[in-house]
Amino acid sequence: MSDEQDDRYYFFARNPDKTILSSSFTDRLTGEKLRIASRNIEGEPGLMFATVDGEVVLPQTSAGRYQIKATFLEDERRIKVLTIQRYSSKTGPLKRDYFSFIGGEIDTLLNFIVGIKAVPLADSSKVHLTDDMFRDIVLNQSQARRIFEKNEALFLEIAQSDELKPYNYRRRTGFKPKTD
């Protein structure tokens, strides 16, 4: 059995509810310690671009299995390459389609995906966000939410402490609200 046939066999045999991290290995060019994380996903039917008789069409694709694979630096956890790959069970044992994101493309993709979940939608109007604005929303809201969820009791204790009550704050700092 060839390496590609082995890859295909393991791809379809692997349970899709598990992420697998490889053993560490050294990049021959840079000497950096790397690992590969991979996870299989059961995909749903969709559409894809195809050219038939010189015309671009959108044929329906069948459900399939995809793999997300990230090659990352072991120490920094910075992802060097992110590949999304689909193996076809219908078109032959070695047919696979894939595309990869490299470097900054990975951060852009991750910020985009996480940002969609985090951006506040106050009304139904259109919203324009720069990369910096998107990054601030993603980092601030998701990190704050995660920190609060992990330390809820501590935050409640701090909020109820005398040090944070407005009267004590004014007395300690000499702060006086402006009155018009």
N, C-alpha and C. Protein backbone atom coordinates (compact mmCIF):
# COMPACT_ATOMS: atom_id res chain seq x y z
N MET A 1 0.84 -1.17 0.00
CA MET A 1 0.00 0.00 0.00
C MET A 1 0.89 1.24 0.00
N SER A 2 0.56 2.24 -0.84
CA SER A 2 1.37 3.46 -0.92
C SER A 2 1.08 4.37 0.28
N ASP A 3 1.97 5.37 0.45
CA ASP A 3 1.78 6.33 1.55
C ASP A 3 0.45 7.06 1.41
N GLU A 4 0.08 7.44 0.17
CA GLU A 4 -1.18 8.16 -0.03
C GLU A 4 -2.37 7.27 0.29
N GLN A 5 -2.29 5.97 -0.04
CA GLN A 5 -3.37 5.06 0.31
C GLN A 5 -3.44 4.88 1.83
N ASP A 6 -2.28 4.82 2.49
CA ASP A 6 -2.26 4.76 3.96
C ASP A 6 -2.90 6.00 4.56
N ASP A 7 -2.54 7.19 4.03
CA ASP A 7 -3.13 8.44 4.51
C ASP A 7 -4.65 8.40 4.40
N ARG A 8 -5.13 7.93 3.25
CA ARG A 8 -6.58 7.86 3.02
C ARG A 8 -7.24 6.89 3.99
N TYR A 9 -6.63 5.75 4.20
CA TYR A 9 -7.18 4.76 5.14
C TYR A 9 -7.31 5.34 6.54
N TYR A 10 -6.22 5.95 7.04
CA TYR A 10 -6.23 6.53 8.38
C TYR A 10 -7.19 7.71 8.47
N PHE A 11 -7.31 8.45 7.37
CA PHE A 11 -8.23 9.59 7.34
C PHE A 11 -9.66 9.12 7.59
N PHE A 12 -10.10 8.08 6.89
CA PHE A 12 -11.48 7.61 7.05
C PHE A 12 -11.67 6.75 8.29
N ALA A 13 -10.61 6.17 8.83
CA ALA A 13 -10.72 5.35 10.02
C ALA A 13 -10.74 6.19 11.31
N ARG A 14 -10.19 7.39 11.25
CA ARG A 14 -10.08 8.24 12.45
C ARG A 14 -11.45 8.75 12.89
N ASN A 15 -11.65 8.75 14.21
CA ASN A 15 -12.88 9.23 14.82
C ASN A 15 -12.93 10.76 14.72
N PRO A 16 -14.03 11.34 14.21
CA PRO A 16 -14.07 12.79 14.01
C PRO A 16 -14.29 13.62 15.28
N ASP A 17 -14.39 13.01 16.45
CA ASP A 17 -14.58 13.80 17.67
C ASP A 17 -13.29 13.94 18.47
N LYS A 18 -12.18 13.86 17.78
CA LYS A 18 -10.89 13.87 18.47
C LYS A 18 -9.88 14.71 17.69
N THR A 19 -9.10 15.50 18.43
CA THR A 19 -7.97 16.22 17.85
C THR A 19 -6.70 15.47 18.22
N ILE A 20 -5.83 15.28 17.27
CA ILE A 20 -4.58 14.54 17.50
C ILE A 20 -3.40 15.48 17.30
N LEU A 21 -2.50 15.47 18.29
CA LEU A 21 -1.26 16.24 18.20
C LEU A 21 -0.10 15.28 17.96
N SER A 22 0.70 15.57 16.97
CA SER A 22 1.84 14.71 16.65
C SER A 22 2.92 14.82 17.70
N SER A 23 3.87 13.92 17.63
CA SER A 23 5.10 14.07 18.41
C SER A 23 5.84 15.28 17.86
N SER A 24 6.69 15.89 18.66
CA SER A 24 7.43 17.05 18.16
C SER A 24 8.52 16.58 17.19
N PHE A 25 8.83 17.46 16.25
CA PHE A 25 9.90 17.19 15.29
C PHE A 25 10.59 18.51 14.97
N THR A 26 11.79 18.45 14.41
CA THR A 26 12.58 19.64 14.16
C THR A 26 12.51 20.01 12.69
N ASP A 27 12.23 21.29 12.43
CA ASP A 27 12.24 21.82 11.07
C ASP A 27 13.68 21.81 10.59
N ARG A 28 13.96 21.15 9.50
CA ARG A 28 15.34 21.00 9.01
C ARG A 28 15.96 22.33 8.58
N LEU A 29 15.14 23.27 8.14
CA LEU A 29 15.67 24.56 7.69
C LEU A 29 15.93 25.53 8.84
N THR A 30 15.01 25.59 9.80
CA THR A 30 15.11 26.60 10.85
C THR A 30 15.58 26.05 12.19
N GLY A 31 15.50 24.74 12.38
CA GLY A 31 15.86 24.14 13.65
C GLY A 31 14.79 24.27 14.72
N GLU A 32 13.62 24.83 14.36
CA GLU A 32 12.54 25.03 15.32
C GLU A 32 11.80 23.71 15.60
N LYS A 33 11.32 23.57 16.83
CA LYS A 33 10.51 22.40 17.19
C LYS A 33 9.08 22.64 16.73
N LEU A 34 8.55 21.69 15.98
CA LEU A 34 7.21 21.80 15.42
C LEU A 34 6.34 20.63 15.87
N ARG A 35 5.05 20.80 15.75
CA ARG A 35 4.07 19.73 15.91
C ARG A 35 2.99 19.95 14.87
N ILE A 36 2.21 18.89 14.64
CA ILE A 36 1.06 18.98 13.75
C ILE A 36 -0.17 18.58 14.56
N ALA A 37 -1.20 19.44 14.51
CA ALA A 37 -2.48 19.12 15.12
C ALA A 37 -3.45 18.85 13.99
N SER A 38 -4.26 17.81 14.11
CA SER A 38 -5.23 17.53 13.06
C SER A 38 -6.55 17.06 13.66
N ARG A 39 -7.61 17.39 12.96
CA ARG A 39 -8.95 17.00 13.38
C ARG A 39 -9.79 16.76 12.14
N ASN A 40 -10.54 15.68 12.14
CA ASN A 40 -11.43 15.38 11.04
C ASN A 40 -12.82 15.91 11.34
N ILE A 41 -13.52 16.33 10.29
CA ILE A 41 -14.86 16.89 10.41
C ILE A 41 -15.75 16.22 9.37
N GLU A 42 -16.94 15.83 9.80
CA GLU A 42 -17.94 15.32 8.85
C GLU A 42 -18.58 16.53 8.19
N GLY A 43 -18.35 16.70 6.90
CA GLY A 43 -18.87 17.86 6.18
C GLY A 43 -20.27 17.63 5.66
N GLU A 44 -20.93 18.72 5.34
CA GLU A 44 -22.28 18.66 4.79
C GLU A 44 -22.21 18.89 3.29
N PRO A 45 -23.28 18.53 2.58
CA PRO A 45 -23.29 18.81 1.14
C PRO A 45 -23.17 20.32 0.90
N GLY A 46 -22.63 20.68 -0.26
CA GLY A 46 -22.46 22.10 -0.57
C GLY A 46 -22.35 22.32 -2.05
N LEU A 47 -21.78 23.43 -2.43
CA LEU A 47 -21.58 23.79 -3.83
C LEU A 47 -20.10 24.02 -4.07
N MET A 48 -19.67 23.81 -5.32
CA MET A 48 -18.29 24.13 -5.68
C MET A 48 -18.25 24.63 -7.11
N PHE A 49 -17.24 25.45 -7.41
CA PHE A 49 -17.08 25.96 -8.76
C PHE A 49 -16.51 24.85 -9.64
N ALA A 50 -17.03 24.74 -10.86
CA ALA A 50 -16.50 23.80 -11.84
C ALA A 50 -16.68 24.41 -13.22
N THR A 51 -15.84 24.01 -14.16
CA THR A 51 -15.98 24.47 -15.53
C THR A 51 -16.42 23.30 -16.39
N VAL A 52 -17.56 23.46 -17.03
CA VAL A 52 -18.11 22.42 -17.90
C VAL A 52 -18.33 23.04 -19.27
N ASP A 53 -17.68 22.49 -20.29
CA ASP A 53 -17.76 23.02 -21.65
C ASP A 53 -17.49 24.51 -21.70
N GLY A 54 -16.46 24.97 -20.95
CA GLY A 54 -16.07 26.38 -20.96
C GLY A 54 -16.96 27.30 -20.14
N GLU A 55 -17.94 26.74 -19.46
CA GLU A 55 -18.85 27.55 -18.65
C GLU A 55 -18.68 27.22 -17.18
N VAL A 56 -18.64 28.25 -16.34
CA VAL A 56 -18.51 28.04 -14.89
C VAL A 56 -19.89 27.69 -14.33
N VAL A 57 -19.94 26.56 -13.63
CA VAL A 57 -21.19 26.10 -13.02
C VAL A 57 -20.95 25.82 -11.53
N LEU A 58 -22.02 25.69 -10.77
CA LEU A 58 -21.94 25.37 -9.35
C LEU A 58 -22.66 24.05 -9.07
N PRO A 59 -21.97 22.93 -9.28
CA PRO A 59 -22.62 21.65 -8.99
C PRO A 59 -22.71 21.38 -7.49
N GLN A 60 -23.71 20.61 -7.10
CA GLN A 60 -23.88 20.19 -5.71
C GLN A 60 -22.81 19.15 -5.39
N THR A 61 -22.19 19.29 -4.21
CA THR A 61 -21.23 18.29 -3.77
C THR A 61 -21.89 17.44 -2.70
N SER A 62 -21.45 16.21 -2.61
CA SER A 62 -22.00 15.33 -1.58
C SER A 62 -21.34 15.64 -0.25
N ALA A 63 -21.95 15.14 0.82
CA ALA A 63 -21.33 15.28 2.13
C ALA A 63 -19.98 14.56 2.07
N GLY A 64 -19.04 15.01 2.84
CA GLY A 64 -17.73 14.39 2.82
C GLY A 64 -17.03 14.60 4.13
N ARG A 65 -15.84 14.15 4.17
CA ARG A 65 -15.03 14.29 5.38
C ARG A 65 -13.87 15.22 5.08
N TYR A 66 -13.65 16.15 6.01
CA TYR A 66 -12.58 17.13 5.88
C TYR A 66 -11.60 16.97 7.02
N GLN A 67 -10.41 17.45 6.78
CA GLN A 67 -9.41 17.46 7.84
C GLN A 67 -8.84 18.87 7.94
N ILE A 68 -8.78 19.38 9.17
CA ILE A 68 -8.08 20.63 9.44
C ILE A 68 -6.76 20.23 10.06
N LYS A 69 -5.70 20.72 9.46
CA LYS A 69 -4.36 20.35 9.93
C LYS A 69 -3.55 21.63 10.13
N ALA A 70 -2.97 21.79 11.32
CA ALA A 70 -2.16 22.97 11.62
C ALA A 70 -0.75 22.53 11.99
N THR A 71 0.23 23.09 11.31
CA THR A 71 1.62 22.89 11.68
C THR A 71 2.02 24.10 12.50
N PHE A 72 2.43 23.87 13.76
CA PHE A 72 2.70 25.00 14.64
C PHE A 72 4.00 24.84 15.40
N LEU A 73 4.54 25.99 15.83
CA LEU A 73 5.75 26.01 16.64
C LEU A 73 5.40 25.51 18.03
N GLU A 74 6.14 24.54 18.53
CA GLU A 74 5.82 23.92 19.80
C GLU A 74 5.86 24.91 20.96
N ASP A 75 6.88 25.77 21.03
CA ASP A 75 7.02 26.67 22.16
C ASP A 75 6.07 27.86 22.09
N GLU A 76 6.01 28.53 20.96
CA GLU A 76 5.20 29.75 20.81
C GLU A 76 3.74 29.47 20.52
N ARG A 77 3.44 28.29 20.01
CA ARG A 77 2.09 27.90 19.55
C ARG A 77 1.64 28.73 18.36
N ARG A 78 2.58 29.37 17.67
CA ARG A 78 2.25 30.12 16.47
C ARG A 78 2.08 29.14 15.31
N ILE A 79 0.96 29.25 14.63
CA ILE A 79 0.67 28.34 13.52
C ILE A 79 1.41 28.82 12.28
N LYS A 80 2.18 27.93 11.67
CA LYS A 80 2.93 28.27 10.46
C LYS A 80 2.10 28.01 9.21
N VAL A 81 1.39 26.88 9.17
CA VAL A 81 0.57 26.51 8.02
C VAL A 81 -0.72 25.90 8.53
N LEU A 82 -1.85 26.33 7.96
CA LEU A 82 -3.15 25.77 8.29
C LEU A 82 -3.74 25.23 7.00
N THR A 83 -4.00 23.92 6.95
CA THR A 83 -4.49 23.28 5.73
C THR A 83 -5.87 22.68 5.99
N ILE A 84 -6.78 22.92 5.06
CA ILE A 84 -8.09 22.29 5.09
C ILE A 84 -8.14 21.39 3.87
N GLN A 85 -8.41 20.13 4.11
CA GLN A 85 -8.26 19.12 3.07
C GLN A 85 -9.51 18.23 3.04
N ARG A 86 -9.94 17.87 1.85
CA ARG A 86 -11.08 16.98 1.69
C ARG A 86 -10.66 15.76 0.90
N TYR A 87 -10.98 14.60 1.45
CA TYR A 87 -10.76 13.35 0.72
C TYR A 87 -12.10 12.92 0.16
N SER A 88 -12.11 12.45 -1.08
CA SER A 88 -13.34 11.99 -1.70
C SER A 88 -13.42 10.48 -1.64
N SER A 89 -14.53 9.98 -1.12
CA SER A 89 -14.72 8.53 -1.07
C SER A 89 -15.27 8.01 -2.39
N LYS A 90 -15.77 8.90 -3.27
CA LYS A 90 -16.40 8.47 -4.52
C LYS A 90 -15.47 8.48 -5.73
N THR A 91 -14.52 9.42 -5.79
CA THR A 91 -13.75 9.61 -7.01
C THR A 91 -12.44 8.85 -7.06
N GLY A 92 -12.20 8.01 -6.14
CA GLY A 92 -10.98 7.22 -6.18
C GLY A 92 -10.17 7.34 -4.91
N PRO A 93 -9.31 6.39 -4.70
CA PRO A 93 -8.60 6.32 -3.43
C PRO A 93 -7.59 7.44 -3.19
N LEU A 94 -7.12 8.10 -4.22
CA LEU A 94 -6.06 9.10 -4.00
C LEU A 94 -6.52 10.51 -4.30
N LYS A 95 -7.78 10.71 -4.65
CA LYS A 95 -8.29 12.05 -4.97
C LYS A 95 -8.51 12.84 -3.70
N ARG A 96 -7.86 13.98 -3.58
CA ARG A 96 -8.08 14.87 -2.44
C ARG A 96 -7.91 16.31 -2.88
N ASP A 97 -8.74 17.16 -2.34
CA ASP A 97 -8.68 18.59 -2.61
C ASP A 97 -8.26 19.27 -1.32
N TYR A 98 -7.44 20.32 -1.44
CA TYR A 98 -7.02 21.03 -0.24
C TYR A 98 -6.60 22.45 -0.58
N PHE A 99 -6.56 23.27 0.44
CA PHE A 99 -5.95 24.58 0.33
C PHE A 99 -5.34 24.91 1.67
N SER A 100 -4.34 25.79 1.63
CA SER A 100 -3.58 26.12 2.84
C SER A 100 -3.56 27.62 3.06
N PHE A 101 -3.55 28.00 4.32
CA PHE A 101 -3.33 29.37 4.74
C PHE A 101 -1.93 29.42 5.34
N ILE A 102 -1.20 30.51 5.08
CA ILE A 102 0.18 30.61 5.55
C ILE A 102 0.37 31.97 6.22
N GLY A 103 1.12 31.98 7.32
CA GLY A 103 1.50 33.22 8.00
C GLY A 103 0.32 34.05 8.45
N GLY A 104 0.31 35.34 8.04
CA GLY A 104 -0.72 36.29 8.45
C GLY A 104 -2.12 35.92 7.98
N GLU A 105 -2.22 35.11 6.92
CA GLU A 105 -3.54 34.67 6.44
C GLU A 105 -4.27 33.90 7.54
N ILE A 106 -3.52 33.15 8.34
CA ILE A 106 -4.11 32.34 9.41
C ILE A 106 -4.73 33.25 10.47
N ASP A 107 -3.98 34.28 10.89
CA ASP A 107 -4.51 35.21 11.88
C ASP A 107 -5.74 35.93 11.35
N THR A 108 -5.72 36.32 10.09
CA THR A 108 -6.87 36.99 9.49
C THR A 108 -8.09 36.08 9.51
N LEU A 109 -7.91 34.83 9.14
CA LEU A 109 -9.02 33.87 9.15
C LEU A 109 -9.55 33.67 10.56
N LEU A 110 -8.66 33.44 11.52
CA LEU A 110 -9.10 33.20 12.90
C LEU A 110 -9.79 34.42 13.49
N ASN A 111 -9.24 35.63 13.27
CA ASN A 111 -9.88 36.84 13.77
C ASN A 111 -11.25 37.04 13.13
N PHE A 112 -11.36 36.73 11.85
CA PHE A 112 -12.64 36.85 11.15
C PHE A 112 -13.69 35.92 11.76
N ILE A 113 -13.32 34.66 11.97
CA ILE A 113 -14.27 33.69 12.50
C ILE A 113 -14.67 34.04 13.93
N VAL A 114 -13.69 34.31 14.78
CA VAL A 114 -13.98 34.64 16.18
C VAL A 114 -14.72 35.97 16.26
N GLY A 115 -14.34 36.91 15.40
CA GLY A 115 -14.97 38.23 15.40
C GLY A 115 -16.45 38.18 15.08
N ILE A 116 -16.84 37.32 14.18
CA ILE A 116 -18.26 37.19 13.84
C ILE A 116 -19.07 36.84 15.08
N LYS A 117 -18.52 35.99 15.92
CA LYS A 117 -19.22 35.59 17.14
C LYS A 117 -19.20 36.68 18.20
N ALA A 118 -18.22 37.58 18.17
CA ALA A 118 -18.04 38.55 19.25
C ALA A 118 -18.55 39.96 18.93
N VAL A 119 -18.68 40.32 17.66
CA VAL A 119 -19.04 41.70 17.32
C VAL A 119 -20.46 42.02 17.81
N PRO A 120 -20.62 43.14 18.51
CA PRO A 120 -21.95 43.51 18.99
C PRO A 120 -22.81 44.00 17.83
N LEU A 121 -24.02 43.53 17.75
CA LEU A 121 -24.96 43.93 16.72
C LEU A 121 -26.14 44.63 17.39
N ALA A 122 -25.98 45.94 17.60
CA ALA A 122 -26.98 46.70 18.34
C ALA A 122 -28.28 46.89 17.55
N ASP A 123 -28.16 46.99 16.24
CA ASP A 123 -29.36 47.16 15.41
C ASP A 123 -29.14 46.47 14.08
N SER A 124 -30.02 46.70 13.13
CA SER A 124 -29.92 45.98 11.86
C SER A 124 -29.12 46.74 10.80
N SER A 125 -28.43 47.81 11.17
CA SER A 125 -27.68 48.59 10.19
C SER A 125 -26.36 47.92 9.84
N LYS A 126 -25.79 48.37 8.72
CA LYS A 126 -24.51 47.87 8.23
C LYS A 126 -23.39 48.31 9.16
N VAL A 127 -22.37 47.47 9.31
CA VAL A 127 -21.25 47.78 10.18
C VAL A 127 -19.95 47.62 9.38
N HIS A 128 -19.05 48.59 9.51
CA HIS A 128 -17.73 48.52 8.89
C HIS A 128 -16.71 48.44 10.02
N LEU A 129 -15.82 47.46 9.97
CA LEU A 129 -14.81 47.30 11.01
C LEU A 129 -13.43 47.18 10.39
N THR A 130 -12.49 47.98 10.88
CA THR A 130 -11.10 47.82 10.44
C THR A 130 -10.53 46.59 11.12
N ASP A 131 -9.40 46.13 10.66
CA ASP A 131 -8.75 44.98 11.30
C ASP A 131 -8.44 45.27 12.76
N ASP A 132 -7.98 46.49 13.06
CA ASP A 132 -7.68 46.85 14.45
C ASP A 132 -8.93 46.82 15.32
N MET A 133 -10.04 47.34 14.80
CA MET A 133 -11.30 47.33 15.56
C MET A 133 -11.76 45.89 15.80
N PHE A 134 -11.67 45.07 14.77
CA PHE A 134 -12.07 43.67 14.87
C PHE A 134 -11.21 42.96 15.93
N ARG A 135 -9.91 43.20 15.87
CA ARG A 135 -8.97 42.58 16.80
C ARG A 135 -9.29 43.00 18.24
N ASP A 136 -9.58 44.30 18.45
CA ASP A 136 -9.92 44.78 19.79
C ASP A 136 -11.19 44.14 20.32
N ILE A 137 -12.20 44.01 19.47
CA ILE A 137 -13.45 43.37 19.88
C ILE A 137 -13.21 41.92 20.24
N VAL A 138 -12.50 41.22 19.40
CA VAL A 138 -12.24 39.80 19.62
C VAL A 138 -11.46 39.60 20.91
N LEU A 139 -10.37 40.33 21.08
CA LEU A 139 -9.54 40.14 22.26
C LEU A 139 -10.25 40.60 23.53
N ASN A 140 -10.80 41.78 23.50
CA ASN A 140 -11.40 42.31 24.71
C ASN A 140 -12.60 41.51 25.18
N GLN A 141 -13.55 41.28 24.31
CA GLN A 141 -14.77 40.60 24.73
C GLN A 141 -14.55 39.13 25.04
N SER A 142 -13.87 38.43 24.17
CA SER A 142 -13.71 36.99 24.41
C SER A 142 -12.78 36.72 25.58
N GLN A 143 -11.70 37.50 25.72
CA GLN A 143 -10.80 37.29 26.85
C GLN A 143 -11.50 37.64 28.16
N ALA A 144 -12.21 38.75 28.17
CA ALA A 144 -12.91 39.15 29.40
C ALA A 144 -13.95 38.10 29.78
N ARG A 145 -14.69 37.65 28.82
CA ARG A 145 -15.71 36.62 29.09
C ARG A 145 -15.07 35.36 29.65
N ARG A 146 -13.98 34.93 29.05
CA ARG A 146 -13.30 33.71 29.48
C ARG A 146 -12.73 33.88 30.90
N ILE A 147 -12.11 35.03 31.17
CA ILE A 147 -11.55 35.28 32.49
C ILE A 147 -12.66 35.32 33.53
N PHE A 148 -13.77 35.99 33.22
CA PHE A 148 -14.87 36.08 34.17
C PHE A 148 -15.47 34.69 34.44
N GLU A 149 -15.66 33.89 33.38
CA GLU A 149 -16.25 32.56 33.56
C GLU A 149 -15.38 31.68 34.46
N LYS A 150 -14.08 31.81 34.34
CA LYS A 150 -13.18 30.97 35.13
C LYS A 150 -13.02 31.49 36.56
N ASN A 151 -13.35 32.76 36.80
CA ASN A 151 -13.12 33.37 38.12
C ASN A 151 -14.35 34.12 38.61
N GLU A 152 -15.53 33.61 38.33
CA GLU A 152 -16.77 34.32 38.66
C GLU A 152 -16.86 34.66 40.15
N ALA A 153 -16.54 33.73 41.02
CA ALA A 153 -16.63 33.98 42.46
C ALA A 153 -15.71 35.11 42.88
N LEU A 154 -14.50 35.15 42.34
CA LEU A 154 -13.55 36.21 42.67
C LEU A 154 -14.08 37.57 42.23
N PHE A 155 -14.63 37.66 41.03
CA PHE A 155 -15.17 38.93 40.54
C PHE A 155 -16.33 39.40 41.41
N LEU A 156 -17.20 38.48 41.83
CA LEU A 156 -18.31 38.86 42.69
C LEU A 156 -17.80 39.35 44.05
N GLU A 157 -16.79 38.71 44.57
CA GLU A 157 -16.20 39.13 45.85
C GLU A 157 -15.60 40.53 45.73
N ILE A 158 -14.89 40.78 44.66
CA ILE A 158 -14.28 42.10 44.44
C ILE A 158 -15.36 43.16 44.28
N ALA A 159 -16.39 42.85 43.51
CA ALA A 159 -17.46 43.81 43.27
C ALA A 159 -18.19 44.18 44.56
N GLN A 160 -18.24 43.27 45.51
CA GLN A 160 -18.94 43.51 46.77
C GLN A 160 -18.03 44.10 47.85
N SER A 161 -16.75 44.23 47.59
CA SER A 161 -15.83 44.72 48.62
C SER A 161 -16.04 46.22 48.85
N ASP A 162 -15.71 46.66 50.02
CA ASP A 162 -15.85 48.06 50.39
C ASP A 162 -14.95 48.96 49.55
N GLU A 163 -13.83 48.43 49.10
CA GLU A 163 -12.88 49.24 48.33
C GLU A 163 -13.48 49.76 47.03
N LEU A 164 -14.44 49.05 46.46
CA LEU A 164 -15.01 49.47 45.18
C LEU A 164 -16.28 50.29 45.32
N LYS A 165 -16.82 50.39 46.50
CA LYS A 165 -18.06 51.14 46.66
C LYS A 165 -17.77 52.62 46.39
N PRO A 166 -18.67 53.32 45.71
CA PRO A 166 -18.43 54.70 45.29
C PRO A 166 -18.03 55.64 46.43
N TYR A 167 -18.68 55.54 47.57
CA TYR A 167 -18.37 56.45 48.68
C TYR A 167 -16.92 56.29 49.12
N ASN A 168 -16.47 55.07 49.31
CA ASN A 168 -15.09 54.83 49.73
C ASN A 168 -14.09 55.26 48.68
N TYR A 169 -14.43 55.08 47.42
CA TYR A 169 -13.53 55.48 46.34
C TYR A 169 -13.34 56.99 46.36
N ARG A 170 -14.45 57.72 46.52
CA ARG A 170 -14.36 59.18 46.57
C ARG A 170 -13.55 59.64 47.78
N ARG A 171 -13.77 59.00 48.91
CA ARG A 171 -13.07 59.40 50.14
C ARG A 171 -11.57 59.15 49.99
N ARG A 172 -11.18 58.00 49.42
CA ARG A 172 -9.76 57.65 49.27
C ARG A 172 -9.06 58.53 48.26
N THR A 173 -9.74 58.85 47.16
CA THR A 173 -9.06 59.54 46.06
C THR A 173 -9.32 61.03 46.04
N GLY A 174 -10.32 61.49 46.78
CA GLY A 174 -10.67 62.90 46.73
C GLY A 174 -11.49 63.24 45.50
N PHE A 175 -11.93 62.22 44.75
CA PHE A 175 -12.71 62.43 43.53
C PHE A 175 -14.07 63.04 43.88
N LYS A 176 -14.43 64.10 43.17
CA LYS A 176 -15.75 64.70 43.34
C LYS A 176 -16.35 64.87 41.96
N PRO A 177 -17.54 64.31 41.73
CA PRO A 177 -18.15 64.46 40.42
C PRO A 177 -18.47 65.92 40.13
N LYS A 178 -18.37 66.31 38.87
CA LYS A 178 -18.70 67.69 38.47
C LYS A 178 -20.20 67.88 38.58
N THR A 179 -20.58 69.03 39.02
CA THR A 179 -21.99 69.39 39.04
C THR A 179 -22.15 70.67 38.23
N ASP A 180 -23.13 70.69 37.39
CA ASP A 180 -23.34 71.88 36.53
C ASP A 180 -24.36 72.80 37.12
